[in-house]
Amino acid sequence: MSHESADEAIVQLASFANSISAHLAKNQLEAAAIPCFLSNENRPYGPISGGVRLHVRQQDVAAAQEVLHASQVSMQALPTTDDEAATPTARCPRCHHTDIVCRQLPEPNDTLLTKLRLWILAPEKPQCHCFHCGLDFEG
């Protein structure tokens, strides 16, 4: 009978909207000698089914987060006035990171599902995405 210690447990580190982003993250971890694998990558509905998931051992979580965080490019809009600079920055409800984007209208390169969600459902609150942990939420 085998008993896994807490350090040997496999955990989900991140979720990605597409397999390209997931593979880029996986390659970064493998280059840093951090064992990992992807799941949910062949699901037909992508983000609807939870996205492509990246898994690591529990003992490697901190190192993996450091590797992935170090390579991220922040995509935050810069305030244009002093009034906007005084406004508190929105944060992700899961990881409290500020590297998020929020919008209410679809863009030309959005998936059909995203366009339908934004057009038909016409959300009252902006739909947001956290680039740090991959969470989609209402702003």
C-alpha atoms as a PDB file:
ATOM      1  CA  MET A   1       0.000   0.000   0.000  1.00  0.00           C
ATOM      2  CA  SER A   2       1.490   3.314  -1.063  1.00  0.00           C
ATOM      3  CA  HIS A   3       1.009   6.580   0.820  1.00  0.00           C
ATOM      4  CA  GLU A   4       1.775   9.830  -0.992  1.00  0.00           C
ATOM      5  CA  SER A   5       3.267  12.559   1.134  1.00  0.00           C
ATOM      6  CA  ALA A   6       1.903  16.066   0.744  1.00  0.00           C
ATOM      7  CA  ASP A   7       5.039  17.050  -1.222  1.00  0.00           C
ATOM      8  CA  GLU A   8       4.453  14.283  -3.785  1.00  0.00           C
ATOM      9  CA  ALA A   9       0.840  15.307  -4.444  1.00  0.00           C
ATOM     10  CA  ILE A  10       0.045  16.607  -7.925  1.00  0.00           C
ATOM     11  CA  VAL A  11      -1.663  20.010  -8.057  1.00  0.00           C
ATOM     12  CA  GLN A  12      -3.044  22.246 -10.786  1.00  0.00           C
ATOM     13  CA  LEU A  13      -0.699  25.204 -11.127  1.00  0.00           C
ATOM     14  CA  ALA A  14      -2.510  27.157 -13.839  1.00  0.00           C
ATOM     15  CA  SER A  15      -5.235  27.071 -16.483  1.00  0.00           C
ATOM     16  CA  PHE A  16      -4.849  28.458 -20.010  1.00  0.00           C
ATOM     17  CA  ALA A  17      -7.406  29.456 -22.625  1.00  0.00           C
ATOM     18  CA  ASN A  18      -5.478  27.652 -25.389  1.00  0.00           C
ATOM     19  CA  SER A  19      -2.933  24.878 -25.784  1.00  0.00           C
ATOM     20  CA  ILE A  20      -0.265  27.186 -27.246  1.00  0.00           C
ATOM     21  CA  SER A  21      -0.076  29.245 -24.042  1.00  0.00           C
ATOM     22  CA  ALA A  22      -0.142  26.064 -21.967  1.00  0.00           C
ATOM     23  CA  HIS A  23       2.707  24.503 -23.957  1.00  0.00           C
ATOM     24  CA  LEU A  24       4.788  27.679 -23.668  1.00  0.00           C
ATOM     25  CA  ALA A  25       4.421  27.562 -19.876  1.00  0.00           C
ATOM     26  CA  LYS A  26       5.145  23.815 -19.822  1.00  0.00           C
ATOM     27  CA  ASN A  27       8.303  24.352 -21.889  1.00  0.00           C
ATOM     28  CA  GLN A  28       9.484  27.062 -19.478  1.00  0.00           C
ATOM     29  CA  LEU A  29       9.045  24.736 -16.518  1.00  0.00           C
ATOM     30  CA  GLU A  30      10.763  21.845 -18.271  1.00  0.00           C
ATOM     31  CA  ALA A  31      13.687  24.142 -19.180  1.00  0.00           C
ATOM     32  CA  ALA A  32      13.962  24.920 -15.449  1.00  0.00           C
ATOM     33  CA  ALA A  33      13.985  21.141 -14.703  1.00  0.00           C
ATOM     34  CA  ILE A  34      10.547  21.266 -13.045  1.00  0.00           C
ATOM     35  CA  PRO A  35       8.507  18.142 -13.904  1.00  0.00           C
ATOM     36  CA  CYS A  36       5.021  18.984 -15.180  1.00  0.00           C
ATOM     37  CA  PHE A  37       2.247  17.831 -17.489  1.00  0.00           C
ATOM     38  CA  LEU A  38      -0.863  19.191 -19.241  1.00  0.00           C
ATOM     39  CA  SER A  39      -4.423  17.933 -19.030  1.00  0.00           C
ATOM     40  CA  ASN A  40      -7.750  18.855 -20.619  1.00  0.00           C
ATOM     41  CA  GLU A  41      -5.916  19.828 -23.783  1.00  0.00           C
ATOM     42  CA  ASN A  42      -8.063  17.935 -26.282  1.00  0.00           C
ATOM     43  CA  ARG A  43     -11.459  19.103 -25.051  1.00  0.00           C
ATOM     44  CA  PRO A  44     -13.533  20.546 -27.901  1.00  0.00           C
ATOM     45  CA  TYR A  45     -14.756  23.615 -26.020  1.00  0.00           C
ATOM     46  CA  GLY A  46     -11.472  24.954 -24.617  1.00  0.00           C
ATOM     47  CA  PRO A  47     -12.066  27.546 -21.887  1.00  0.00           C
ATOM     48  CA  ILE A  48     -15.659  26.358 -21.292  1.00  0.00           C
ATOM     49  CA  SER A  49     -14.322  23.026 -20.052  1.00  0.00           C
ATOM     50  CA  GLY A  50     -11.829  24.673 -17.718  1.00  0.00           C
ATOM     51  CA  GLY A  51      -9.063  25.448 -20.180  1.00  0.00           C
ATOM     52  CA  VAL A  52      -5.821  23.556 -20.644  1.00  0.00           C
ATOM     53  CA  ARG A  53      -4.478  22.743 -17.190  1.00  0.00           C
ATOM     54  CA  LEU A  54      -0.823  22.703 -16.141  1.00  0.00           C
ATOM     55  CA  HIS A  55       0.060  20.383 -13.240  1.00  0.00           C
ATOM     56  CA  VAL A  56       3.165  20.106 -11.038  1.00  0.00           C
ATOM     57  CA  ARG A  57       4.150  18.352  -7.821  1.00  0.00           C
ATOM     58  CA  GLN A  58       3.148  20.196  -4.656  1.00  0.00           C
ATOM     59  CA  GLN A  59       6.820  20.558  -3.694  1.00  0.00           C
ATOM     60  CA  ASP A  60       7.523  22.389  -6.972  1.00  0.00           C
ATOM     61  CA  VAL A  61       4.667  24.931  -6.820  1.00  0.00           C
ATOM     62  CA  ALA A  62       6.717  27.871  -5.489  1.00  0.00           C
ATOM     63  CA  ALA A  63       9.571  27.329  -7.950  1.00  0.00           C
ATOM     64  CA  ALA A  64       7.153  26.879 -10.871  1.00  0.00           C
ATOM     65  CA  GLN A  65       5.256  30.053  -9.990  1.00  0.00           C
ATOM     66  CA  GLU A  66       8.537  31.946  -9.823  1.00  0.00           C
ATOM     67  CA  VAL A  67       9.623  30.667 -13.257  1.00  0.00           C
ATOM     68  CA  LEU A  68       6.282  31.545 -14.875  1.00  0.00           C
ATOM     69  CA  HIS A  69       5.932  34.888 -13.110  1.00  0.00           C
ATOM     70  CA  ALA A  70       9.451  35.976 -14.103  1.00  0.00           C
ATOM     71  CA  SER A  71       8.635  35.483 -17.784  1.00  0.00           C
ATOM     72  CA  GLN A  72       5.284  37.297 -17.798  1.00  0.00           C
ATOM     73  CA  VAL A  73       4.946  40.611 -19.533  1.00  0.00           C
ATOM     74  CA  SER A  74       2.520  42.903 -17.808  1.00  0.00           C
ATOM     75  CA  MET A  75      -0.295  44.123 -20.081  1.00  0.00           C
ATOM     76  CA  GLN A  76      -1.740  46.857 -17.892  1.00  0.00           C
ATOM     77  CA  ALA A  77      -2.967  50.120 -19.325  1.00  0.00           C
ATOM     78  CA  LEU A  78      -1.141  53.147 -17.976  1.00  0.00           C
ATOM     79  CA  PRO A  79      -3.214  55.980 -16.521  1.00  0.00           C
ATOM     80  CA  THR A  80      -3.291  59.131 -18.614  1.00  0.00           C
ATOM     81  CA  THR A  81      -4.205  61.647 -15.908  1.00  0.00           C
ATOM     82  CA  ASP A  82      -3.406  62.221 -12.255  1.00  0.00           C
ATOM     83  CA  ASP A  83      -7.065  61.530 -11.405  1.00  0.00           C
ATOM     84  CA  GLU A  84      -6.832  58.065 -12.950  1.00  0.00           C
ATOM     85  CA  ALA A  85      -3.574  57.375 -11.081  1.00  0.00           C
ATOM     86  CA  ALA A  86      -5.385  57.999  -7.783  1.00  0.00           C
ATOM     87  CA  THR A  87      -8.014  55.343  -8.646  1.00  0.00           C
ATOM     88  CA  PRO A  88      -7.325  51.987  -6.927  1.00  0.00           C
ATOM     89  CA  THR A  89      -6.141  49.251  -9.289  1.00  0.00           C
ATOM     90  CA  ALA A  90      -8.527  46.336  -9.876  1.00  0.00           C
ATOM     91  CA  ARG A  91      -7.331  42.986  -8.548  1.00  0.00           C
ATOM     92  CA  CYS A  92      -8.109  39.357  -9.315  1.00  0.00           C
ATOM     93  CA  PRO A  93     -10.441  37.869  -6.676  1.00  0.00           C
ATOM     94  CA  ARG A  94      -8.476  34.568  -6.677  1.00  0.00           C
ATOM     95  CA  CYS A  95      -4.795  35.592  -6.607  1.00  0.00           C
ATOM     96  CA  HIS A  96      -5.162  39.371  -5.936  1.00  0.00           C
ATOM     97  CA  HIS A  97      -2.807  40.139  -8.831  1.00  0.00           C
ATOM     98  CA  THR A  98      -3.255  43.348 -10.828  1.00  0.00           C
ATOM     99  CA  ASP A  99      -2.273  41.926 -14.239  1.00  0.00           C
ATOM    100  CA  ILE A 100      -5.876  41.780 -15.506  1.00  0.00           C
ATOM    101  CA  VAL A 101      -7.873  43.086 -18.431  1.00  0.00           C
ATOM    102  CA  CYS A 102     -11.596  43.958 -18.271  1.00  0.00           C
ATOM    103  CA  ARG A 103     -14.030  44.832 -21.048  1.00  0.00           C
ATOM    104  CA  GLN A 104     -17.709  44.797 -21.944  1.00  0.00           C
ATOM    105  CA  LEU A 105     -17.556  44.747 -25.757  1.00  0.00           C
ATOM    106  CA  PRO A 106     -16.126  41.984 -27.957  1.00  0.00           C
ATOM    107  CA  GLU A 107     -13.049  42.477 -30.085  1.00  0.00           C
ATOM    108  CA  PRO A 108     -12.527  41.104 -33.632  1.00  0.00           C
ATOM    109  CA  ASN A 109     -10.089  38.378 -32.535  1.00  0.00           C
ATOM    110  CA  ASP A 110     -12.389  37.012 -29.758  1.00  0.00           C
ATOM    111  CA  THR A 111     -13.701  33.483 -29.972  1.00  0.00           C
ATOM    112  CA  LEU A 112     -17.306  33.002 -31.014  1.00  0.00           C
ATOM    113  CA  LEU A 113     -18.221  32.024 -27.451  1.00  0.00           C
ATOM    114  CA  THR A 114     -16.729  35.227 -26.037  1.00  0.00           C
ATOM    115  CA  LYS A 115     -18.523  37.330 -28.638  1.00  0.00           C
ATOM    116  CA  LEU A 116     -21.846  35.642 -27.871  1.00  0.00           C
ATOM    117  CA  ARG A 117     -21.348  36.067 -24.137  1.00  0.00           C
ATOM    118  CA  LEU A 118     -20.601  39.768 -24.508  1.00  0.00           C
ATOM    119  CA  TRP A 119     -23.235  40.508 -27.196  1.00  0.00           C
ATOM    120  CA  ILE A 120     -26.194  38.366 -26.156  1.00  0.00           C
ATOM    121  CA  LEU A 121     -25.790  38.372 -22.399  1.00  0.00           C
ATOM    122  CA  ALA A 122     -24.819  42.066 -22.425  1.00  0.00           C
ATOM    123  CA  PRO A 123     -23.183  41.951 -19.008  1.00  0.00           C
ATOM    124  CA  GLU A 124     -23.745  44.896 -16.733  1.00  0.00           C
ATOM    125  CA  LYS A 125     -20.258  44.481 -15.301  1.00  0.00           C
ATOM    126  CA  PRO A 126     -17.086  44.192 -17.394  1.00  0.00           C
ATOM    127  CA  GLN A 127     -15.858  40.670 -18.088  1.00  0.00           C
ATOM    128  CA  CYS A 128     -12.302  40.328 -16.763  1.00  0.00           C
ATOM    129  CA  HIS A 129      -9.397  37.925 -17.227  1.00  0.00           C
ATOM    130  CA  CYS A 130      -6.394  37.544 -14.898  1.00  0.00           C
ATOM    131  CA  PHE A 131      -3.165  36.895 -16.786  1.00  0.00           C
ATOM    132  CA  HIS A 132      -1.496  35.707 -13.579  1.00  0.00           C
ATOM    133  CA  CYS A 133      -3.775  32.785 -12.608  1.00  0.00           C
ATOM    134  CA  GLY A 134      -6.070  32.542 -15.675  1.00  0.00           C
ATOM    135  CA  LEU A 135      -9.332  33.274 -13.832  1.00  0.00           C
ATOM    136  CA  ASP A 136     -12.247  34.767 -15.797  1.00  0.00           C
ATOM    137  CA  PHE A 137     -14.536  36.896 -13.614  1.00  0.00           C
ATOM    138  CA  GLU A 138     -16.910  39.873 -13.602  1.00  0.00           C
ATOM    139  CA  GLY A 139     -15.251  43.193 -12.713  1.00  0.00           C
END
